[in-house]
Amino acid sequence: MTIRLGYQVPNFSYSTPVSELFPTVVAQAREAEDAGFDAVFVMDHFYQLPGIGSPNQPMLEAYSALSALATATSRVQLSALVTGNTYRNPSHLAKAVTTLDVVSGGRAVLGIGAGWFELEHRQLGFEFGTFTDRFDRLEEALSIIAPMLRGERPTVDGRWYHTESALNEPRIRDDLPILIGGGGERKTFGLAARYASHLNIICDPAELPRKLSALDDRCTEAGRGRADIDTSFLASVVLGPDREAALAKAEAALRSRGVDLAAIDPQRRAAMESRMFAGSPEEVAAGIQSRILDAGIGGVVVNLIADGHEPGVVTRVGEALAPLVR
């Protein structure tokens, strides 16, 4: 698995009838593929996230959408960024992502994390638990999922999950990759060192040198070479004639979805803005080069929260960023 340039679909609010919603998603995926992106991602959520829109805005189930995208594309890898472990039994998840791999001809990636959006859990009936609970569950789930993806038949009698010689057929390959996403230097990075081929890091770009040093430490502790794990960074991109105009466009788009940036908790807003790259294609490319890639990150996954669904925007971003990572 190599993901140097990924495109994440962050929302499904297109001001269209529902009948036109998924064709708009397909158009973005095809445009990303034609523009040289390595992978297309969707979020694994049931409600829209705070900071992007209101909970009642459109949200598609991840693996149903990814399987449909598999039939509409031919080259890009397909994944959730990232699957919430708390939403599915691990054997079920192993089966779902393996089926995606078969349907797509070997293009699936299992992106996975511990889960964090409490409102979804509470209202839909998924057990949320404590922070520690969720990471313990993720570790136990990976002890089942990883061998099932390799064609092994794990028997696990754990605190959270139980399997008995769990079978996972058919499979198209034995090396379906695992991507872990997050920013936790001990738990998340430790699990990545043990199980993952790829780590997608979410943090303030200024923290990246420390994050990569922590990943080195976790790999050493796991007895694994650091070069065995690829890395990427999740960035929000907004194009415009200049940074000021691009930021105004982002604020207007979010306002239309019920998000007032001025009303967001200052700490959360600062975190959002630190990961946003706004301006002309040249300005965005320069910022990602200097703040992300020069820090030692191997690739970038971008979402276009303001206008990624508008024809041509994904292409312009791909043309600007692809030369940086090839």
Protein backbone atom coordinates (compact mmCIF):
# COMPACT_ATOMS: atom_id res chain seq x y z
CA MET A 1 0.00 0.00 0.00
CA THR A 2 1.24 3.42 -0.94
CA ILE A 3 -0.90 6.45 -0.18
CA ARG A 4 0.94 9.60 -1.09
CA LEU A 5 -2.11 11.62 -2.11
CA GLY A 6 -5.59 10.80 -0.82
CA TYR A 7 -8.98 12.48 -1.21
CA GLN A 8 -11.50 12.34 1.63
CA VAL A 9 -15.19 13.07 1.03
CA PRO A 10 -16.12 15.00 4.20
CA ASN A 11 -19.79 15.74 3.61
CA PHE A 12 -22.80 14.91 1.48
CA SER A 13 -24.59 18.27 1.67
CA TYR A 14 -24.76 19.29 -1.97
CA SER A 15 -28.07 21.21 -2.14
CA THR A 16 -29.40 18.49 -4.44
CA PRO A 17 -32.25 16.01 -4.16
CA VAL A 18 -31.22 12.78 -2.45
CA SER A 19 -31.49 11.05 -5.84
CA GLU A 20 -28.53 13.17 -7.04
CA LEU A 21 -26.45 12.81 -3.88
CA PHE A 22 -24.52 9.66 -4.70
CA PRO A 23 -23.86 10.55 -8.34
CA THR A 24 -22.12 13.63 -6.94
CA VAL A 25 -19.96 11.39 -4.74
CA VAL A 26 -19.13 9.16 -7.71
CA ALA A 27 -18.13 12.21 -9.74
CA GLN A 28 -15.68 13.27 -7.01
CA ALA A 29 -14.14 9.80 -6.80
CA ARG A 30 -13.71 9.57 -10.55
CA GLU A 31 -12.24 13.05 -10.70
CA ALA A 32 -9.80 12.15 -7.93
CA GLU A 33 -8.77 9.01 -9.78
CA ASP A 34 -8.22 10.91 -13.03
CA ALA A 35 -6.29 13.63 -11.20
CA GLY A 36 -3.72 11.17 -9.83
CA PHE A 37 -4.93 10.60 -6.28
CA ASP A 38 -3.90 7.23 -4.82
CA ALA A 39 -6.93 6.72 -2.59
CA VAL A 40 -10.48 7.89 -1.94
CA PHE A 41 -11.84 7.93 1.61
CA VAL A 42 -15.22 8.46 3.22
CA MET A 43 -15.86 9.15 6.89
CA ASP A 44 -17.32 6.38 9.03
CA HIS A 45 -20.06 8.31 10.77
CA PHE A 46 -23.84 8.26 10.93
CA TYR A 47 -24.30 11.95 11.79
CA GLN A 48 -22.44 14.89 10.32
CA LEU A 49 -19.62 16.10 12.54
CA PRO A 50 -19.56 19.31 14.57
CA GLY A 51 -17.42 21.84 12.76
CA ILE A 52 -18.59 20.61 9.35
CA GLY A 53 -22.37 20.72 9.71
CA SER A 54 -25.33 19.85 11.90
CA PRO A 55 -26.04 16.25 12.97
CA ASN A 56 -29.16 15.95 10.80
CA GLN A 57 -27.35 16.62 7.52
CA PRO A 58 -26.82 13.77 5.02
CA MET A 59 -24.41 11.01 6.00
CA LEU A 60 -24.00 7.74 4.11
CA GLU A 61 -22.97 4.44 5.72
CA ALA A 62 -19.29 4.01 4.89
CA TYR A 63 -18.96 0.45 3.63
CA SER A 64 -22.13 0.54 1.52
CA ALA A 65 -20.84 3.72 -0.13
CA LEU A 66 -17.31 2.33 -0.61
CA SER A 67 -18.59 -0.85 -2.26
CA ALA A 68 -20.60 1.25 -4.69
CA LEU A 69 -17.53 3.39 -5.42
CA ALA A 70 -15.58 0.21 -6.14
CA THR A 71 -17.78 -0.40 -9.18
CA ALA A 72 -17.43 3.22 -10.34
CA THR A 73 -13.61 3.41 -10.18
CA SER A 74 -10.77 1.19 -11.34
CA ARG A 75 -7.49 2.29 -9.77
CA VAL A 76 -7.83 4.23 -6.50
CA GLN A 77 -7.63 2.48 -3.17
CA LEU A 78 -10.79 2.73 -1.08
CA SER A 79 -11.10 3.15 2.67
CA ALA A 80 -12.88 4.74 5.57
CA LEU A 81 -10.87 7.44 7.32
CA VAL A 82 -11.33 5.92 9.73
CA THR A 83 -13.68 3.13 10.71
CA GLY A 84 -14.99 3.56 14.24
CA ASN A 85 -14.21 0.27 15.94
CA THR A 86 -17.14 0.70 18.34
CA TYR A 87 -19.71 0.57 15.52
CA ARG A 88 -19.17 -3.04 14.40
CA ASN A 89 -18.26 -6.44 15.72
CA PRO A 90 -14.64 -7.06 14.62
CA SER A 91 -15.46 -10.27 12.74
CA HIS A 92 -18.20 -8.41 10.88
CA LEU A 93 -15.76 -5.59 10.07
CA ALA A 94 -13.15 -8.04 8.80
CA LYS A 95 -15.81 -9.56 6.53
CA ALA A 96 -17.01 -6.16 5.33
CA VAL A 97 -13.58 -4.84 4.36
CA THR A 98 -12.60 -8.17 2.78
CA THR A 99 -15.78 -8.08 0.70
CA LEU A 100 -14.87 -4.53 -0.36
CA ASP A 101 -11.46 -5.88 -1.38
CA VAL A 102 -13.03 -8.62 -3.49
CA VAL A 103 -15.54 -6.23 -5.09
CA SER A 104 -12.80 -3.69 -5.89
CA GLY A 105 -10.25 -6.17 -7.18
CA GLY A 106 -7.81 -5.75 -4.31
CA ARG A 107 -8.11 -2.01 -3.63
CA ALA A 108 -9.48 -1.96 -0.07
CA VAL A 109 -7.64 -0.54 2.92
CA LEU A 110 -8.90 -1.01 6.46
CA GLY A 111 -8.68 2.40 8.05
CA ILE A 112 -9.56 2.05 11.73
CA GLY A 113 -9.58 4.01 14.98
CA ALA A 114 -11.04 3.81 18.47
CA GLY A 115 -14.15 5.97 17.86
CA TRP A 116 -14.90 9.30 19.52
CA PHE A 117 -18.26 10.89 18.55
CA GLU A 118 -20.31 10.42 21.70
CA LEU A 119 -23.60 11.80 20.33
CA GLU A 120 -23.80 9.04 17.71
CA HIS A 121 -23.14 6.36 20.27
CA ARG A 122 -25.70 7.65 22.72
CA GLN A 123 -28.51 8.27 20.26
CA LEU A 124 -27.98 5.16 18.11
CA GLY A 125 -27.31 2.74 20.95
CA PHE A 126 -23.61 1.98 20.47
CA GLU A 127 -21.67 1.47 23.69
CA PHE A 128 -19.29 4.39 24.17
CA GLY A 129 -17.48 3.71 27.44
CA THR A 130 -14.39 5.52 28.64
CA PHE A 131 -11.37 6.58 26.60
CA THR A 132 -9.46 3.62 28.02
CA ASP A 133 -12.34 1.26 27.23
CA ARG A 134 -12.37 2.29 23.59
CA PHE A 135 -8.66 1.74 23.11
CA ASP A 136 -8.74 -1.58 24.94
CA ARG A 137 -11.58 -2.64 22.64
CA LEU A 138 -9.63 -1.50 19.57
CA GLU A 139 -6.58 -3.52 20.62
CA GLU A 140 -8.70 -6.61 21.20
CA ALA A 141 -10.54 -6.10 17.90
CA LEU A 142 -7.26 -5.86 15.98
CA SER A 143 -6.15 -9.17 17.49
CA ILE A 144 -9.13 -10.69 15.67
CA ILE A 145 -9.25 -8.61 12.50
CA ALA A 146 -5.57 -8.73 11.54
CA PRO A 147 -5.33 -12.54 11.42
CA MET A 148 -8.71 -12.82 9.67
CA LEU A 149 -7.44 -10.54 6.89
CA ARG A 150 -4.47 -12.91 6.46
CA GLY A 151 -6.68 -15.97 6.17
CA GLU A 152 -5.97 -17.23 9.67
CA ARG A 153 -8.74 -18.42 11.99
CA PRO A 154 -8.37 -16.68 15.36
CA THR A 155 -9.94 -17.92 18.56
CA VAL A 156 -10.21 -15.11 21.08
CA ASP A 157 -11.88 -15.14 24.47
CA GLY A 158 -11.46 -11.53 25.47
CA ARG A 159 -13.10 -8.97 27.66
CA TRP A 160 -14.98 -7.39 24.78
CA TYR A 161 -15.07 -9.94 21.95
CA HIS A 162 -15.24 -13.68 21.49
CA THR A 163 -14.45 -15.74 18.38
CA GLU A 164 -14.03 -19.44 17.77
CA SER A 165 -11.83 -20.32 14.79
CA ALA A 166 -13.30 -17.33 12.89
CA LEU A 167 -13.45 -17.94 9.14
CA ASN A 168 -13.12 -15.17 6.52
CA GLU A 169 -13.68 -16.33 2.93
CA PRO A 170 -13.45 -15.45 0.10
CA ARG A 171 -10.35 -13.28 0.04
CA ILE A 172 -8.47 -11.96 -2.95
CA ARG A 173 -5.17 -11.56 -1.07
CA ASP A 174 -3.54 -12.18 2.29
CA ASP A 175 -2.02 -8.71 2.78
CA LEU A 176 -4.98 -6.36 2.91
CA PRO A 177 -3.40 -3.32 4.58
CA ILE A 178 -4.40 -1.74 7.86
CA LEU A 179 -4.28 2.02 8.31
CA ILE A 180 -4.64 3.47 11.79
CA GLY A 181 -5.62 7.09 12.23
CA GLY A 182 -5.19 9.48 15.13
CA GLY A 183 -2.68 11.48 17.09
CA GLY A 184 -2.17 9.63 20.37
CA GLU A 185 1.55 9.09 20.84
CA ARG A 186 1.29 6.07 23.13
CA LYS A 187 -1.92 4.16 22.45
CA THR A 188 -2.64 5.00 18.80
CA PHE A 189 0.98 4.94 17.67
CA GLY A 190 1.64 1.81 19.71
CA LEU A 191 -1.17 -0.04 17.93
CA ALA A 192 0.07 1.26 14.59
CA ALA A 193 3.54 -0.10 15.33
CA ARG A 194 2.06 -3.52 16.06
CA TYR A 195 -0.61 -3.83 13.39
CA ALA A 196 -0.56 -1.15 10.70
CA SER A 197 1.05 -0.53 7.33
CA HIS A 198 0.13 3.14 7.44
CA LEU A 199 -0.44 5.81 10.09
CA ASN A 200 -2.58 8.84 9.26
CA ILE A 201 -1.66 11.52 11.79
CA ILE A 202 -4.13 14.15 12.97
CA CYS A 203 -2.52 17.03 14.86
CA ASP A 204 -1.33 20.60 14.64
CA PRO A 205 1.39 20.56 11.95
CA ALA A 206 3.80 22.17 14.41
CA GLU A 207 3.63 18.96 16.46
CA LEU A 208 4.73 16.65 13.65
CA PRO A 209 8.43 16.35 14.57
CA ARG A 210 7.43 15.20 18.07
CA LYS A 211 4.79 12.85 16.67
CA LEU A 212 7.27 11.20 14.33
CA SER A 213 9.79 10.83 17.15
CA ALA A 214 7.10 9.13 19.23
CA LEU A 215 6.31 6.80 16.35
CA ASP A 216 10.00 5.88 16.16
CA ASP A 217 9.89 4.99 19.86
CA ARG A 218 6.76 2.85 19.50
CA CYS A 219 8.29 0.97 16.57
CA THR A 220 11.43 0.29 18.59
CA GLU A 221 9.30 -1.02 21.47
CA ALA A 222 7.39 -3.28 19.06
CA GLY A 223 10.60 -4.57 17.48
CA ARG A 224 9.64 -3.18 14.11
CA GLY A 225 11.51 -1.05 11.60
CA ARG A 226 10.18 2.48 11.31
CA ALA A 227 10.51 2.27 7.52
CA ASP A 228 7.80 -0.42 7.51
CA ILE A 229 5.08 2.16 8.31
CA ASP A 230 4.07 4.84 5.83
CA THR A 231 2.69 8.12 7.17
CA SER A 232 0.25 10.74 5.97
CA PHE A 233 -1.42 13.86 7.33
CA LEU A 234 -5.11 14.83 7.12
CA ALA A 235 -5.49 18.40 5.84
CA SER A 236 -8.44 20.58 4.89
CA VAL A 237 -7.90 22.56 1.69
CA VAL A 238 -9.83 25.58 0.44
CA LEU A 239 -8.91 27.14 -2.89
CA GLY A 240 -9.37 30.79 -3.78
CA PRO A 241 -7.58 33.67 -5.46
CA ASP A 242 -5.71 34.22 -2.18
CA ARG A 243 -5.82 33.08 1.44
CA GLU A 244 -8.25 35.77 2.56
CA ALA A 245 -10.75 34.95 -0.17
CA ALA A 246 -10.40 31.21 0.42
CA LEU A 247 -11.05 31.56 4.14
CA ALA A 248 -14.11 33.70 3.44
CA LYS A 249 -15.39 30.97 1.13
CA ALA A 250 -14.85 28.33 3.82
CA GLU A 251 -16.69 30.39 6.43
CA ALA A 252 -19.61 30.97 4.05
CA ALA A 253 -19.86 27.27 3.21
CA LEU A 254 -19.84 26.26 6.86
CA ARG A 255 -22.34 28.97 7.76
CA SER A 256 -24.71 27.59 5.13
CA ARG A 257 -24.57 24.27 7.01
CA GLY A 258 -25.27 25.84 10.38
CA VAL A 259 -21.67 26.17 11.58
CA ASP A 260 -20.65 29.56 12.96
CA LEU A 261 -16.89 29.49 13.40
CA ALA A 262 -17.09 32.46 15.76
CA ALA A 263 -19.22 30.40 18.13
CA ILE A 264 -16.95 27.34 18.19
CA ASP A 265 -14.85 26.68 21.28
CA PRO A 266 -11.61 28.67 20.71
CA GLN A 267 -9.38 25.65 21.29
CA ARG A 268 -11.34 23.54 18.80
CA ARG A 269 -11.38 26.34 16.27
CA ALA A 270 -7.62 26.81 16.59
CA ALA A 271 -7.13 23.08 15.97
CA MET A 272 -9.35 23.22 12.88
CA GLU A 273 -7.56 26.26 11.48
CA SER A 274 -4.10 24.77 12.07
CA ARG A 275 -4.99 21.93 9.71
CA MET A 276 -6.57 24.16 7.06
CA PHE A 277 -4.57 25.20 4.02
CA ALA A 278 -6.24 28.05 2.18
CA GLY A 279 -5.30 30.16 -0.82
CA SER A 280 -4.33 29.73 -4.44
CA PRO A 281 -3.20 26.27 -5.60
CA GLU A 282 0.38 27.49 -5.43
CA GLU A 283 -0.04 28.83 -1.89
CA VAL A 284 -1.68 25.60 -0.72
CA ALA A 285 1.08 23.49 -2.26
CA ALA A 286 3.78 25.62 -0.66
CA GLY A 287 2.13 25.36 2.75
CA ILE A 288 1.75 21.60 2.59
CA GLN A 289 5.35 21.22 1.43
CA SER A 290 6.82 23.39 4.18
CA ARG A 291 4.54 22.45 7.09
CA ILE A 292 3.82 18.78 6.37
CA LEU A 293 6.14 17.07 3.93
CA ASP A 294 9.32 18.84 5.03
CA ALA A 295 8.60 17.60 8.57
CA GLY A 296 9.09 14.04 7.32
CA ILE A 297 5.51 12.97 6.55
CA GLY A 298 5.25 10.72 3.51
CA GLY A 299 1.92 11.87 2.07
CA VAL A 300 -1.20 13.94 2.52
CA VAL A 301 -4.94 13.21 2.56
CA VAL A 302 -7.04 16.26 1.77
CA ASN A 303 -10.68 17.12 2.15
CA LEU A 304 -12.36 20.07 0.45
CA ILE A 305 -15.09 21.03 2.87
CA ALA A 306 -16.20 24.12 0.96
CA ASP A 307 -16.48 22.98 -2.63
CA GLY A 308 -15.01 19.54 -3.34
CA HIS A 309 -18.30 18.54 -5.00
CA GLU A 310 -17.99 21.28 -7.62
CA PRO A 311 -16.60 19.90 -10.90
CA GLY A 312 -12.94 20.71 -11.45
CA VAL A 313 -11.96 21.57 -7.88
CA VAL A 314 -10.55 18.12 -7.05
CA THR A 315 -8.59 18.23 -10.30
CA ARG A 316 -7.04 21.60 -9.47
CA VAL A 317 -5.94 20.34 -6.05
CA GLY A 318 -4.54 17.14 -7.53
CA GLU A 319 -2.56 19.08 -10.12
CA ALA A 320 -1.10 21.29 -7.39
CA LEU A 321 -0.21 18.54 -4.92
CA ALA A 322 0.71 15.49 -7.01
CA PRO A 323 4.15 16.88 -7.99
CA LEU A 324 5.02 17.19 -4.30
CA VAL A 325 4.58 13.50 -3.51
CA ARG A 326 5.67 11.73 -6.69
